[in-house]
Amino acid sequence: MPAVSTHDPYKDFKFRVKWDGQYIAGISKMSALKSTTEVVTVREGTNLHEIKVPGRTKFEAITLERGITVDQAFNAWAALVWNAGAGATPGTADFHKDLIIELRHKSGKPVAAYKVHRCWVSAYVALPDLDTNAHAVAIEHITLENEGWERDDSLIEPTP
């Protein structure tokens, strides 16, 4: 385990997301990485009490949000899933991607990274509700199903 030199927690607004070896521009918000393991109760033989053991683990979907720009990365990935669902030739549209999510130190260097396995787009909001009276940024969203994640424990806090 790496040595810890700070007692302050890291800020949740300093993060980056990467897929296909490229950082994805403008990610402004990301939902939590969350897993839940079912609890299975078992009663053996004549025991009067039950024991609890872990069952299946479920990994929650992740939602990424960003302001709409000319970048078509979200749309292109969602289109791969649509094409696969529409009967594309098997093997021609691999819509799974591994993501890397980096939490960054105040200096900008990564201090924690998670590799999220075999993500695919289950929902895509290309254009939000529009309102001429609002003064907000138009935000697009993708919801990503995944098969779990693992933390890169090789990262250490940078020296000041």
Protein backbone atom coordinates (compact mmCIF):
# COMPACT_ATOMS: atom_id res chain seq x y z
CA MET A 1 0.00 0.00 0.00
CA PRO A 2 1.40 3.43 -0.90
CA ALA A 3 2.45 5.84 1.82
CA VAL A 4 -0.11 8.53 2.58
CA SER A 5 1.17 12.05 3.14
CA THR A 6 -2.04 14.07 3.35
CA HIS A 7 -4.96 13.88 5.72
CA ASP A 8 -7.30 15.87 3.52
CA PRO A 9 -9.60 13.94 1.19
CA TYR A 10 -9.36 14.56 -2.53
CA LYS A 11 -11.81 16.89 -4.25
CA ASP A 12 -14.55 15.21 -6.27
CA PHE A 13 -14.40 17.73 -9.12
CA LYS A 14 -10.86 16.83 -10.20
CA PHE A 15 -11.28 13.78 -12.42
CA ARG A 16 -10.81 12.61 -16.00
CA VAL A 17 -12.32 9.79 -18.06
CA LYS A 18 -10.47 7.92 -20.79
CA TRP A 19 -11.59 5.39 -23.39
CA ASP A 20 -9.87 4.08 -26.51
CA GLY A 21 -6.65 5.59 -25.13
CA GLN A 22 -8.02 9.15 -25.27
CA TYR A 23 -9.29 11.48 -22.57
CA ILE A 24 -12.90 12.42 -23.25
CA ALA A 25 -13.27 16.18 -23.29
CA GLY A 26 -15.68 18.07 -21.13
CA ILE A 27 -17.00 15.42 -18.72
CA SER A 28 -18.63 17.61 -16.09
CA LYS A 29 -20.36 14.99 -13.94
CA MET A 30 -20.18 11.26 -13.33
CA SER A 31 -22.32 9.04 -11.12
CA ALA A 32 -20.73 6.87 -8.43
CA LEU A 33 -19.04 3.51 -8.94
CA LYS A 34 -21.34 1.26 -6.96
CA SER A 35 -21.62 -2.48 -6.46
CA THR A 36 -24.08 -4.50 -4.43
CA THR A 37 -23.69 -8.13 -3.38
CA GLU A 38 -26.80 -10.15 -2.66
CA VAL A 39 -27.07 -11.77 0.75
CA VAL A 40 -28.05 -15.44 0.58
CA THR A 41 -29.33 -17.07 3.75
CA VAL A 42 -28.70 -20.78 4.22
CA ARG A 43 -29.90 -23.19 6.87
CA GLU A 44 -27.96 -26.41 7.20
CA GLY A 45 -29.42 -29.65 8.48
CA THR A 46 -30.98 -29.35 11.90
CA ASN A 47 -29.39 -26.00 12.76
CA LEU A 48 -31.92 -23.62 14.21
CA HIS A 49 -30.15 -20.58 12.89
CA GLU A 50 -29.34 -19.35 9.41
CA ILE A 51 -25.98 -18.31 8.09
CA LYS A 52 -25.45 -15.56 5.55
CA VAL A 53 -23.16 -15.95 2.55
CA PRO A 54 -22.42 -13.65 -0.39
CA GLY A 55 -24.39 -14.20 -3.58
CA ARG A 56 -24.23 -12.47 -6.95
CA THR A 57 -22.59 -9.06 -7.23
CA LYS A 58 -24.28 -6.40 -9.33
CA PHE A 59 -22.45 -3.36 -10.70
CA GLU A 60 -24.61 -0.26 -11.10
CA ALA A 61 -24.70 1.66 -14.35
CA ILE A 62 -22.52 4.78 -14.61
CA THR A 63 -23.82 8.04 -16.07
CA LEU A 64 -21.49 10.56 -17.71
CA GLU A 65 -22.60 14.13 -18.46
CA ARG A 66 -21.01 16.87 -20.49
CA GLY A 67 -21.91 20.01 -22.35
CA ILE A 68 -22.80 19.49 -26.00
CA THR A 69 -19.93 20.35 -28.36
CA VAL A 70 -18.89 19.30 -31.86
CA ASP A 71 -17.28 16.13 -30.40
CA GLN A 72 -19.32 13.09 -31.50
CA ALA A 73 -17.79 10.50 -29.12
CA PHE A 74 -20.99 9.86 -27.11
CA ASN A 75 -23.15 9.63 -30.24
CA ALA A 76 -20.70 7.34 -32.07
CA TRP A 77 -20.53 4.90 -29.15
CA ALA A 78 -24.33 4.84 -28.76
CA ALA A 79 -24.64 4.19 -32.52
CA LEU A 80 -22.43 1.08 -32.19
CA VAL A 81 -24.94 -0.35 -29.71
CA TRP A 82 -27.93 0.55 -31.91
CA ASN A 83 -26.29 -1.13 -34.91
CA ALA A 84 -25.51 -4.27 -32.90
CA GLY A 85 -29.11 -4.38 -31.64
CA ALA A 86 -30.41 -3.93 -35.18
CA GLY A 87 -28.80 -7.17 -36.33
CA ALA A 88 -25.33 -6.10 -37.46
CA THR A 89 -23.11 -8.98 -38.52
CA PRO A 90 -21.66 -10.56 -35.36
CA GLY A 91 -18.16 -9.35 -34.61
CA THR A 92 -18.39 -6.26 -36.82
CA ALA A 93 -19.57 -3.87 -34.14
CA ASP A 94 -17.84 -4.46 -30.81
CA PHE A 95 -19.59 -1.88 -28.68
CA HIS A 96 -17.82 -2.78 -25.41
CA LYS A 97 -15.14 -0.41 -24.13
CA ASP A 98 -12.98 -0.35 -21.03
CA LEU A 99 -12.90 3.01 -19.26
CA ILE A 100 -10.26 4.51 -17.04
CA ILE A 101 -11.49 6.97 -14.43
CA GLU A 102 -8.79 9.05 -12.76
CA LEU A 103 -9.15 11.07 -9.58
CA ARG A 104 -6.58 13.86 -9.56
CA HIS A 105 -4.54 15.64 -6.92
CA LYS A 106 -4.68 19.45 -6.66
CA SER A 107 -1.47 19.48 -8.74
CA GLY A 108 -3.37 17.72 -11.57
CA LYS A 109 -1.56 14.38 -11.30
CA PRO A 110 -3.62 11.17 -10.92
CA VAL A 111 -3.78 9.75 -7.38
CA ALA A 112 -6.44 7.07 -7.90
CA ALA A 113 -7.55 5.30 -11.05
CA TYR A 114 -10.23 2.72 -11.73
CA LYS A 115 -10.48 0.52 -14.79
CA VAL A 116 -14.14 -0.16 -15.55
CA HIS A 117 -14.63 -3.34 -17.59
CA ARG A 118 -16.72 -3.95 -20.73
CA CYS A 119 -18.91 -0.86 -20.67
CA TRP A 120 -21.67 -0.28 -23.22
CA VAL A 121 -24.25 2.46 -23.71
CA SER A 122 -27.73 1.56 -22.42
CA ALA A 123 -29.18 5.10 -22.59
CA TYR A 124 -28.19 8.24 -24.45
CA VAL A 125 -29.63 11.75 -24.20
CA ALA A 126 -28.34 13.56 -27.27
CA LEU A 127 -30.27 16.77 -26.70
CA PRO A 128 -31.87 17.88 -23.41
CA ASP A 129 -35.08 19.82 -23.00
CA LEU A 130 -34.58 23.21 -24.60
CA ASP A 131 -35.92 26.45 -23.13
CA THR A 132 -35.40 29.92 -24.62
CA ASN A 133 -35.93 31.47 -21.18
CA ALA A 134 -33.19 29.43 -19.50
CA HIS A 135 -29.54 30.39 -19.38
CA ALA A 136 -28.13 26.89 -18.96
CA VAL A 137 -25.62 24.82 -20.90
CA ALA A 138 -27.10 22.04 -23.07
CA ILE A 139 -25.96 18.74 -21.50
CA GLU A 140 -25.74 15.31 -23.14
CA HIS A 141 -25.74 12.11 -21.05
CA ILE A 142 -24.75 8.50 -21.58
CA THR A 143 -25.57 5.67 -19.21
CA LEU A 144 -23.04 2.86 -19.24
CA GLU A 145 -23.65 -0.71 -18.14
CA ASN A 146 -20.47 -2.43 -16.97
CA GLU A 147 -19.06 -5.71 -15.70
CA GLY A 148 -17.17 -4.33 -12.72
CA TRP A 149 -14.03 -2.40 -11.98
CA GLU A 150 -10.68 -2.60 -10.28
CA ARG A 151 -8.51 0.05 -8.68
CA ASP A 152 -4.97 0.73 -9.85
CA ASP A 153 -3.05 0.57 -6.57
CA SER A 154 0.26 1.57 -8.16
CA LEU A 155 -0.57 5.29 -8.06
CA ILE A 156 0.86 7.34 -5.21
CA GLU A 157 0.31 10.89 -4.08
CA PRO A 158 2.73 13.24 -5.84
CA THR A 159 5.21 15.23 -3.79
CA PRO A 160 4.44 18.96 -3.64
